[in-house]
Amino acid sequence: MIRKEPSPNNGKLYVTFEYPGSSRPSSVHLVGDFNGWNETITPMKRKERGDIWKVRIELGKGQEYQFRYLVDETSWHNDWHADRYVPNIHGSDNSVVVT
């Protein structure tokens, strides 16, 4: 799930990413254009109740960002609520969020 909310900073939006961790992962990271595809810099936190992992970041308006979720440091997943998908160099797709 992806939620977009206004930011007090001009030209920015808050974007909340949620990953449903029904398989009970021990870690989930948000990885994408906005963090240089760094696999550790944007960890997600598990919500107090349930199996939803969540992180909120601020992104520039009027942009498109490719991203994926890295689960347990080994498994890549897309967001089924992404605005669209694009092929990547690994033979799969990346999720895209449009701000």
C-alpha atoms as a PDB file:
ATOM      1  CA  MET A   1       0.000   0.000   0.000  1.00  0.00           C
ATOM      2  CA  ILE A   2       1.236   3.478  -0.843  1.00  0.00           C
ATOM      3  CA  ARG A   3      -0.186   6.650   0.694  1.00  0.00           C
ATOM      4  CA  LYS A   4       0.709  10.180  -0.450  1.00  0.00           C
ATOM      5  CA  GLU A   5       0.194  13.199   1.797  1.00  0.00           C
ATOM      6  CA  PRO A   6       1.120  16.870   1.558  1.00  0.00           C
ATOM      7  CA  SER A   7       4.375  17.955   3.138  1.00  0.00           C
ATOM      8  CA  PRO A   8       4.934  21.387   4.681  1.00  0.00           C
ATOM      9  CA  ASN A   9       8.040  21.619   2.486  1.00  0.00           C
ATOM     10  CA  ASN A  10       7.358  23.269  -0.863  1.00  0.00           C
ATOM     11  CA  GLY A  11       7.536  20.866  -3.798  1.00  0.00           C
ATOM     12  CA  LYS A  12       7.521  17.749  -1.588  1.00  0.00           C
ATOM     13  CA  LEU A  13       5.140  14.959  -0.572  1.00  0.00           C
ATOM     14  CA  TYR A  14       5.205  12.484   2.275  1.00  0.00           C
ATOM     15  CA  VAL A  15       4.908   8.974   0.872  1.00  0.00           C
ATOM     16  CA  THR A  16       4.137   6.063   3.193  1.00  0.00           C
ATOM     17  CA  PHE A  17       5.079   2.598   1.955  1.00  0.00           C
ATOM     18  CA  GLU A  18       3.553  -0.496   3.574  1.00  0.00           C
ATOM     19  CA  TYR A  19       4.628  -4.077   3.001  1.00  0.00           C
ATOM     20  CA  PRO A  20       2.371  -6.952   4.166  1.00  0.00           C
ATOM     21  CA  GLY A  21       4.810  -9.334   5.855  1.00  0.00           C
ATOM     22  CA  SER A  22       2.492 -12.302   6.190  1.00  0.00           C
ATOM     23  CA  SER A  23       5.463 -14.661   5.905  1.00  0.00           C
ATOM     24  CA  ARG A  24       6.865 -13.155   9.145  1.00  0.00           C
ATOM     25  CA  PRO A  25      10.125 -11.712   7.814  1.00  0.00           C
ATOM     26  CA  SER A  26      12.764 -10.547  10.265  1.00  0.00           C
ATOM     27  CA  SER A  27      13.599  -7.436   8.195  1.00  0.00           C
ATOM     28  CA  VAL A  28      12.202  -5.386   5.315  1.00  0.00           C
ATOM     29  CA  HIS A  29      14.005  -2.499   3.595  1.00  0.00           C
ATOM     30  CA  LEU A  30      12.673  -0.005   1.070  1.00  0.00           C
ATOM     31  CA  VAL A  31      15.200   0.271  -1.758  1.00  0.00           C
ATOM     32  CA  GLY A  32      14.964   2.540  -4.789  1.00  0.00           C
ATOM     33  CA  ASP A  33      16.002   5.559  -6.816  1.00  0.00           C
ATOM     34  CA  PHE A  34      15.402   7.874  -3.847  1.00  0.00           C
ATOM     35  CA  ASN A  35      18.161   6.224  -1.767  1.00  0.00           C
ATOM     36  CA  GLY A  36      20.607   5.220  -4.497  1.00  0.00           C
ATOM     37  CA  TRP A  37      19.406   1.606  -4.320  1.00  0.00           C
ATOM     38  CA  ASN A  38      21.138   1.293  -0.950  1.00  0.00           C
ATOM     39  CA  GLU A  39      19.929  -1.974   0.592  1.00  0.00           C
ATOM     40  CA  THR A  40      20.273  -0.901   4.242  1.00  0.00           C
ATOM     41  CA  ILE A  41      19.651   2.850   4.512  1.00  0.00           C
ATOM     42  CA  THR A  42      15.811   2.762   4.622  1.00  0.00           C
ATOM     43  CA  PRO A  43      14.657   0.045   7.024  1.00  0.00           C
ATOM     44  CA  MET A  44      10.940  -0.463   7.514  1.00  0.00           C
ATOM     45  CA  LYS A  45       9.379  -0.925  10.946  1.00  0.00           C
ATOM     46  CA  ARG A  46       6.714  -3.448  11.845  1.00  0.00           C
ATOM     47  CA  LYS A  47       3.472  -1.875  13.012  1.00  0.00           C
ATOM     48  CA  GLU A  48       2.569  -2.537  16.640  1.00  0.00           C
ATOM     49  CA  ARG A  49      -0.168  -4.965  15.692  1.00  0.00           C
ATOM     50  CA  GLY A  50      -0.254  -7.271  12.725  1.00  0.00           C
ATOM     51  CA  ASP A  51       2.290  -8.054  10.059  1.00  0.00           C
ATOM     52  CA  ILE A  52       2.489  -4.724   8.230  1.00  0.00           C
ATOM     53  CA  TRP A  53       5.920  -3.136   7.736  1.00  0.00           C
ATOM     54  CA  LYS A  54       5.909   0.635   7.238  1.00  0.00           C
ATOM     55  CA  VAL A  55       8.161   3.601   6.427  1.00  0.00           C
ATOM     56  CA  ARG A  56       7.385   7.210   5.520  1.00  0.00           C
ATOM     57  CA  ILE A  57       9.749   9.300   3.412  1.00  0.00           C
ATOM     58  CA  GLU A  58       9.612  12.714   1.801  1.00  0.00           C
ATOM     59  CA  LEU A  59       9.890  12.835  -1.995  1.00  0.00           C
ATOM     60  CA  GLY A  60       9.852  15.576  -4.611  1.00  0.00           C
ATOM     61  CA  LYS A  61       6.533  16.283  -6.352  1.00  0.00           C
ATOM     62  CA  GLY A  62       6.143  15.607 -10.053  1.00  0.00           C
ATOM     63  CA  GLN A  63       8.685  12.779 -10.086  1.00  0.00           C
ATOM     64  CA  GLU A  64       8.694   9.032 -10.739  1.00  0.00           C
ATOM     65  CA  TYR A  65      10.709   6.758  -8.476  1.00  0.00           C
ATOM     66  CA  GLN A  66      11.464   3.080  -9.045  1.00  0.00           C
ATOM     67  CA  PHE A  67      11.631   0.898  -5.948  1.00  0.00           C
ATOM     68  CA  ARG A  68      11.358  -2.598  -4.493  1.00  0.00           C
ATOM     69  CA  TYR A  69      11.183  -4.193  -1.050  1.00  0.00           C
ATOM     70  CA  LEU A  70      14.154  -6.266   0.134  1.00  0.00           C
ATOM     71  CA  VAL A  71      12.934  -8.915   2.546  1.00  0.00           C
ATOM     72  CA  ASP A  72      15.339 -10.673   4.920  1.00  0.00           C
ATOM     73  CA  GLU A  73      18.267  -9.281   2.903  1.00  0.00           C
ATOM     74  CA  THR A  74      17.738 -11.881   0.155  1.00  0.00           C
ATOM     75  CA  SER A  75      14.310 -11.682  -1.476  1.00  0.00           C
ATOM     76  CA  TRP A  76      13.072  -8.827  -3.700  1.00  0.00           C
ATOM     77  CA  HIS A  77       9.348  -7.964  -3.848  1.00  0.00           C
ATOM     78  CA  ASN A  78       7.193  -5.428  -5.672  1.00  0.00           C
ATOM     79  CA  ASP A  79       4.336  -3.378  -4.312  1.00  0.00           C
ATOM     80  CA  TRP A  80       1.082  -4.567  -5.881  1.00  0.00           C
ATOM     81  CA  HIS A  81      -0.373  -1.090  -5.279  1.00  0.00           C
ATOM     82  CA  ALA A  82       2.357   0.713  -7.234  1.00  0.00           C
ATOM     83  CA  ASP A  83       1.367   3.316  -9.798  1.00  0.00           C
ATOM     84  CA  ARG A  84       3.016   1.197 -12.495  1.00  0.00           C
ATOM     85  CA  TYR A  85       5.878  -1.221 -13.176  1.00  0.00           C
ATOM     86  CA  VAL A  86       8.952  -1.071 -15.416  1.00  0.00           C
ATOM     87  CA  PRO A  87      11.359  -3.827 -16.476  1.00  0.00           C
ATOM     88  CA  ASN A  88      14.741  -3.853 -14.743  1.00  0.00           C
ATOM     89  CA  ILE A  89      18.146  -5.175 -15.836  1.00  0.00           C
ATOM     90  CA  HIS A  90      17.670  -8.355 -13.776  1.00  0.00           C
ATOM     91  CA  GLY A  91      14.815  -9.683 -15.914  1.00  0.00           C
ATOM     92  CA  SER A  92      12.026  -8.722 -13.517  1.00  0.00           C
ATOM     93  CA  ASP A  93      10.107  -5.518 -12.851  1.00  0.00           C
ATOM     94  CA  ASN A  94      10.500  -2.579 -10.492  1.00  0.00           C
ATOM     95  CA  SER A  95       7.562  -0.855  -8.847  1.00  0.00           C
ATOM     96  CA  VAL A  96       7.080   2.840  -9.648  1.00  0.00           C
ATOM     97  CA  VAL A  97       5.550   5.538  -7.458  1.00  0.00           C
ATOM     98  CA  VAL A  98       4.521   8.785  -9.151  1.00  0.00           C
ATOM     99  CA  THR A  99       4.450  11.879  -6.996  1.00  0.00           C
END
